[in-house]
Amino acid sequence: MKLSKSIEQAIFVLLMLALQEGHKPVKSRVLSRLLNVSDSYLKKVLMKLSKAGLIDANASKRGGYTLHKPIHETSLKDVVLAVEGSRFEAGFPSRGHVLFNDGPHVDEGETKIAAAFKKGMESYYRELDRLKLSELLHEHAYRDGAVNWEDPARLDKAGKH
């Protein structure tokens, strides 16, 4: 299973917001420039994170994005569900009734397949929930924020990729 680039971008955004000096808002254009992705693309990711309650958006002149809750409360599962939703939990598409004429046996087989996928997804999400994003950072760095992402020198350097 390969996860989308959007999940990677979402993780970076959350880590960057956790590290933002004084936990001040960061504008999407700053985040997109530092991540070297288009602002319109990143805004779609940011909207998903906001709808999932992981970040807050403030559209004022001094606004931007901030974490909705402390980074130690956000798991990898939260990010995956925010960005991808539960698309992996879709039902098993039945083609068996077209190919085979033993309806009850086909139903039984589909039920077994659906149960296996359900158990697998439960295990998958349980593992993802164990990893809190704070484990990817030094506690002293995210407690009060250690980086000013909007520093012009940092932005100039980012623009030279």
C-alpha atoms as a PDB file:
ATOM      1  CA  MET A   1       0.000   0.000   0.000  1.00  0.00           C
ATOM      2  CA  LYS A   2       1.390   3.368  -0.990  1.00  0.00           C
ATOM      3  CA  LEU A   3       0.117   6.458   0.758  1.00  0.00           C
ATOM      4  CA  SER A   4      -0.382   9.715  -1.078  1.00  0.00           C
ATOM      5  CA  LYS A   5       2.013  12.662  -1.140  1.00  0.00           C
ATOM      6  CA  SER A   6      -0.751  14.626   0.584  1.00  0.00           C
ATOM      7  CA  ILE A   7      -0.217  12.602   3.759  1.00  0.00           C
ATOM      8  CA  GLU A   8       3.487  13.461   3.686  1.00  0.00           C
ATOM      9  CA  GLN A   9       2.697  17.147   3.184  1.00  0.00           C
ATOM     10  CA  ALA A  10       0.119  17.054   5.995  1.00  0.00           C
ATOM     11  CA  ILE A  11       2.647  15.538   8.398  1.00  0.00           C
ATOM     12  CA  PHE A  12       5.222  18.215   7.501  1.00  0.00           C
ATOM     13  CA  VAL A  13       2.639  20.981   7.975  1.00  0.00           C
ATOM     14  CA  LEU A  14       1.659  19.703  11.413  1.00  0.00           C
ATOM     15  CA  LEU A  15       5.293  19.380  12.477  1.00  0.00           C
ATOM     16  CA  MET A  16       6.080  22.867  11.171  1.00  0.00           C
ATOM     17  CA  LEU A  17       3.124  24.367  13.040  1.00  0.00           C
ATOM     18  CA  ALA A  18       4.215  22.565  16.215  1.00  0.00           C
ATOM     19  CA  LEU A  19       7.692  24.071  15.853  1.00  0.00           C
ATOM     20  CA  GLN A  20       6.525  27.589  14.966  1.00  0.00           C
ATOM     21  CA  GLU A  21       8.037  30.124  17.322  1.00  0.00           C
ATOM     22  CA  GLY A  22       5.476  31.110  19.963  1.00  0.00           C
ATOM     23  CA  HIS A  23       2.953  28.974  18.067  1.00  0.00           C
ATOM     24  CA  LYS A  24       2.053  32.008  15.957  1.00  0.00           C
ATOM     25  CA  PRO A  25      -0.013  31.470  12.795  1.00  0.00           C
ATOM     26  CA  VAL A  26       1.825  30.552   9.591  1.00  0.00           C
ATOM     27  CA  LYS A  27       0.421  31.541   6.202  1.00  0.00           C
ATOM     28  CA  SER A  28      -0.190  28.892   3.553  1.00  0.00           C
ATOM     29  CA  ARG A  29       2.080  30.672   1.065  1.00  0.00           C
ATOM     30  CA  VAL A  30       4.951  30.369   3.549  1.00  0.00           C
ATOM     31  CA  LEU A  31       4.271  26.682   4.129  1.00  0.00           C
ATOM     32  CA  SER A  32       3.936  25.959   0.410  1.00  0.00           C
ATOM     33  CA  ARG A  33       7.143  27.799  -0.401  1.00  0.00           C
ATOM     34  CA  LEU A  34       9.109  25.953   2.262  1.00  0.00           C
ATOM     35  CA  LEU A  35       7.624  22.608   1.192  1.00  0.00           C
ATOM     36  CA  ASN A  36       8.176  23.466  -2.476  1.00  0.00           C
ATOM     37  CA  VAL A  37       4.566  22.715  -3.482  1.00  0.00           C
ATOM     38  CA  SER A  38       1.921  24.907  -5.063  1.00  0.00           C
ATOM     39  CA  ASP A  39      -0.130  27.019  -2.692  1.00  0.00           C
ATOM     40  CA  SER A  40      -3.412  25.880  -4.272  1.00  0.00           C
ATOM     41  CA  TYR A  41      -2.458  22.219  -3.743  1.00  0.00           C
ATOM     42  CA  LEU A  42      -1.409  22.818  -0.150  1.00  0.00           C
ATOM     43  CA  LYS A  43      -4.613  24.742   0.601  1.00  0.00           C
ATOM     44  CA  LYS A  44      -6.568  21.573  -0.265  1.00  0.00           C
ATOM     45  CA  VAL A  45      -4.491  19.617   2.248  1.00  0.00           C
ATOM     46  CA  LEU A  46      -4.887  22.396   4.827  1.00  0.00           C
ATOM     47  CA  MET A  47      -8.661  22.399   4.342  1.00  0.00           C
ATOM     48  CA  LYS A  48      -8.774  18.652   5.062  1.00  0.00           C
ATOM     49  CA  LEU A  49      -6.667  19.109   8.195  1.00  0.00           C
ATOM     50  CA  SER A  50      -8.940  21.939   9.308  1.00  0.00           C
ATOM     51  CA  LYS A  51     -12.150  19.964   8.689  1.00  0.00           C
ATOM     52  CA  ALA A  52     -10.681  17.094  10.719  1.00  0.00           C
ATOM     53  CA  GLY A  53     -10.025  19.451  13.643  1.00  0.00           C
ATOM     54  CA  LEU A  54      -6.228  19.138  13.496  1.00  0.00           C
ATOM     55  CA  ILE A  55      -5.512  22.770  12.605  1.00  0.00           C
ATOM     56  CA  ASP A  56      -7.253  26.123  12.854  1.00  0.00           C
ATOM     57  CA  ALA A  57      -7.411  28.697  10.087  1.00  0.00           C
ATOM     58  CA  ASN A  58      -7.499  32.431  10.676  1.00  0.00           C
ATOM     59  CA  ALA A  59      -8.060  34.505   7.541  1.00  0.00           C
ATOM     60  CA  SER A  60      -7.115  37.877   9.036  1.00  0.00           C
ATOM     61  CA  LYS A  61      -4.128  39.926   7.877  1.00  0.00           C
ATOM     62  CA  ARG A  62      -1.951  38.493  10.667  1.00  0.00           C
ATOM     63  CA  GLY A  63      -3.645  35.117  10.454  1.00  0.00           C
ATOM     64  CA  GLY A  64      -2.630  31.805   9.057  1.00  0.00           C
ATOM     65  CA  TYR A  65      -2.693  28.259  10.358  1.00  0.00           C
ATOM     66  CA  THR A  66      -2.086  26.974  13.865  1.00  0.00           C
ATOM     67  CA  LEU A  67      -2.467  23.622  15.561  1.00  0.00           C
ATOM     68  CA  HIS A  68      -5.913  23.020  17.004  1.00  0.00           C
ATOM     69  CA  LYS A  69      -4.555  20.790  19.759  1.00  0.00           C
ATOM     70  CA  PRO A  70      -1.088  19.950  21.103  1.00  0.00           C
ATOM     71  CA  ILE A  71       1.043  17.871  18.749  1.00  0.00           C
ATOM     72  CA  HIS A  72       1.388  15.077  21.321  1.00  0.00           C
ATOM     73  CA  GLU A  73      -2.367  14.451  20.943  1.00  0.00           C
ATOM     74  CA  THR A  74      -2.171  13.936  17.168  1.00  0.00           C
ATOM     75  CA  SER A  75      -1.397  10.487  15.797  1.00  0.00           C
ATOM     76  CA  LEU A  76      -0.442   9.257  12.371  1.00  0.00           C
ATOM     77  CA  LYS A  77      -3.934   7.733  12.207  1.00  0.00           C
ATOM     78  CA  ASP A  78      -5.450  11.203  12.651  1.00  0.00           C
ATOM     79  CA  VAL A  79      -3.458  12.474   9.679  1.00  0.00           C
ATOM     80  CA  VAL A  80      -4.315   9.531   7.425  1.00  0.00           C
ATOM     81  CA  LEU A  81      -8.021   9.778   8.213  1.00  0.00           C
ATOM     82  CA  ALA A  82      -7.988  13.562   7.724  1.00  0.00           C
ATOM     83  CA  VAL A  83      -6.322  13.378   4.324  1.00  0.00           C
ATOM     84  CA  GLU A  84      -7.557  10.081   2.909  1.00  0.00           C
ATOM     85  CA  GLY A  85     -10.781   9.633   4.837  1.00  0.00           C
ATOM     86  CA  SER A  86     -11.880   6.051   5.136  1.00  0.00           C
ATOM     87  CA  ARG A  87     -11.440   5.299   1.436  1.00  0.00           C
ATOM     88  CA  PHE A  88      -9.652   2.049   2.247  1.00  0.00           C
ATOM     89  CA  GLU A  89     -12.721   0.773   4.070  1.00  0.00           C
ATOM     90  CA  ALA A  90     -14.971   0.619   1.045  1.00  0.00           C
ATOM     91  CA  GLY A  91     -17.026  -2.517   0.653  1.00  0.00           C
ATOM     92  CA  PHE A  92     -15.834  -5.469  -1.375  1.00  0.00           C
ATOM     93  CA  PRO A  93     -17.051  -5.067  -4.982  1.00  0.00           C
ATOM     94  CA  SER A  94     -19.100  -8.124  -5.855  1.00  0.00           C
ATOM     95  CA  ARG A  95     -18.570  -9.746  -9.246  1.00  0.00           C
ATOM     96  CA  GLY A  96     -19.150 -13.276  -8.015  1.00  0.00           C
ATOM     97  CA  HIS A  97     -22.883 -13.374  -8.725  1.00  0.00           C
ATOM     98  CA  VAL A  98     -22.156 -12.658 -12.384  1.00  0.00           C
ATOM     99  CA  LEU A  99     -19.523 -15.392 -12.681  1.00  0.00           C
ATOM    100  CA  PHE A 100     -20.906 -18.109 -10.416  1.00  0.00           C
ATOM    101  CA  ASN A 101     -24.444 -19.370  -9.968  1.00  0.00           C
ATOM    102  CA  ASP A 102     -24.059 -20.511  -6.345  1.00  0.00           C
ATOM    103  CA  GLY A 103     -25.432 -17.391  -4.623  1.00  0.00           C
ATOM    104  CA  PRO A 104     -25.190 -18.517  -0.982  1.00  0.00           C
ATOM    105  CA  HIS A 105     -21.602 -19.717  -1.435  1.00  0.00           C
ATOM    106  CA  VAL A 106     -20.632 -16.450  -3.166  1.00  0.00           C
ATOM    107  CA  ASP A 107     -22.228 -14.467  -0.319  1.00  0.00           C
ATOM    108  CA  GLU A 108     -20.281 -16.507   2.237  1.00  0.00           C
ATOM    109  CA  GLY A 109     -17.013 -15.902   0.395  1.00  0.00           C
ATOM    110  CA  GLU A 110     -17.654 -12.165   0.137  1.00  0.00           C
ATOM    111  CA  THR A 111     -18.470 -12.038   3.844  1.00  0.00           C
ATOM    112  CA  LYS A 112     -15.154 -13.752   4.643  1.00  0.00           C
ATOM    113  CA  ILE A 113     -13.237 -11.315   2.425  1.00  0.00           C
ATOM    114  CA  ALA A 114     -14.984  -8.298   3.971  1.00  0.00           C
ATOM    115  CA  ALA A 115     -14.227  -9.591   7.486  1.00  0.00           C
ATOM    116  CA  ALA A 116     -10.538 -10.092   6.626  1.00  0.00           C
ATOM    117  CA  PHE A 117     -10.272  -6.553   5.251  1.00  0.00           C
ATOM    118  CA  LYS A 118     -12.079  -5.171   8.309  1.00  0.00           C
ATOM    119  CA  LYS A 119      -9.683  -6.918  10.693  1.00  0.00           C
ATOM    120  CA  GLY A 120      -6.710  -5.792   8.633  1.00  0.00           C
ATOM    121  CA  MET A 121      -7.859  -2.162   8.638  1.00  0.00           C
ATOM    122  CA  GLU A 122      -8.503  -2.263  12.390  1.00  0.00           C
ATOM    123  CA  SER A 123      -4.953  -3.503  12.918  1.00  0.00           C
ATOM    124  CA  TYR A 124      -3.596  -0.894  10.474  1.00  0.00           C
ATOM    125  CA  TYR A 125      -5.338   1.991  12.248  1.00  0.00           C
ATOM    126  CA  ARG A 126      -4.383   0.656  15.684  1.00  0.00           C
ATOM    127  CA  GLU A 127      -0.699   0.770  14.670  1.00  0.00           C
ATOM    128  CA  LEU A 128      -0.992   4.235  13.143  1.00  0.00           C
ATOM    129  CA  ASP A 129      -2.683   5.496  16.294  1.00  0.00           C
ATOM    130  CA  ARG A 130       0.309   4.404  18.392  1.00  0.00           C
ATOM    131  CA  LEU A 131       2.652   6.897  16.733  1.00  0.00           C
ATOM    132  CA  LYS A 132       2.081  10.421  17.997  1.00  0.00           C
ATOM    133  CA  LEU A 133       3.612  13.117  15.811  1.00  0.00           C
ATOM    134  CA  SER A 134       5.378  14.571  18.840  1.00  0.00           C
ATOM    135  CA  GLU A 135       7.622  11.487  18.775  1.00  0.00           C
ATOM    136  CA  LEU A 136       9.151  12.907  15.587  1.00  0.00           C
ATOM    137  CA  LEU A 137      10.292  16.077  17.352  1.00  0.00           C
ATOM    138  CA  HIS A 138      12.393  17.086  20.327  1.00  0.00           C
ATOM    139  CA  GLU A 139      10.074  18.073  23.169  1.00  0.00           C
ATOM    140  CA  HIS A 140      11.988  21.260  23.945  1.00  0.00           C
ATOM    141  CA  ALA A 141      11.593  22.348  20.312  1.00  0.00           C
ATOM    142  CA  TYR A 142       7.819  22.032  20.111  1.00  0.00           C
ATOM    143  CA  ARG A 143       6.880  23.026  23.662  1.00  0.00           C
ATOM    144  CA  ASP A 144       7.189  26.764  22.934  1.00  0.00           C
ATOM    145  CA  GLY A 145       8.150  26.612  19.288  1.00  0.00           C
ATOM    146  CA  ALA A 146      11.743  26.957  18.157  1.00  0.00           C
ATOM    147  CA  VAL A 147      11.524  28.025  14.512  1.00  0.00           C
ATOM    148  CA  ASN A 148      10.300  31.155  12.783  1.00  0.00           C
ATOM    149  CA  TRP A 149       9.162  29.757   9.438  1.00  0.00           C
ATOM    150  CA  GLU A 150       8.385  33.262   8.195  1.00  0.00           C
ATOM    151  CA  ASP A 151      11.970  34.454   8.657  1.00  0.00           C
ATOM    152  CA  PRO A 152      12.933  36.113   5.321  1.00  0.00           C
ATOM    153  CA  ALA A 153      16.339  34.389   5.327  1.00  0.00           C
ATOM    154  CA  ARG A 154      14.648  30.976   5.617  1.00  0.00           C
ATOM    155  CA  LEU A 155      12.198  31.848   2.838  1.00  0.00           C
ATOM    156  CA  ASP A 156      14.991  33.093   0.558  1.00  0.00           C
ATOM    157  CA  LYS A 157      16.872  29.850   1.089  1.00  0.00           C
ATOM    158  CA  ALA A 158      13.714  27.809   0.400  1.00  0.00           C
ATOM    159  CA  GLY A 159      13.128  29.640  -2.874  1.00  0.00           C
ATOM    160  CA  LYS A 160      16.511  28.514  -4.202  1.00  0.00           C
ATOM    161  CA  HIS A 161      15.666  24.796  -4.500  1.00  0.00           C
END
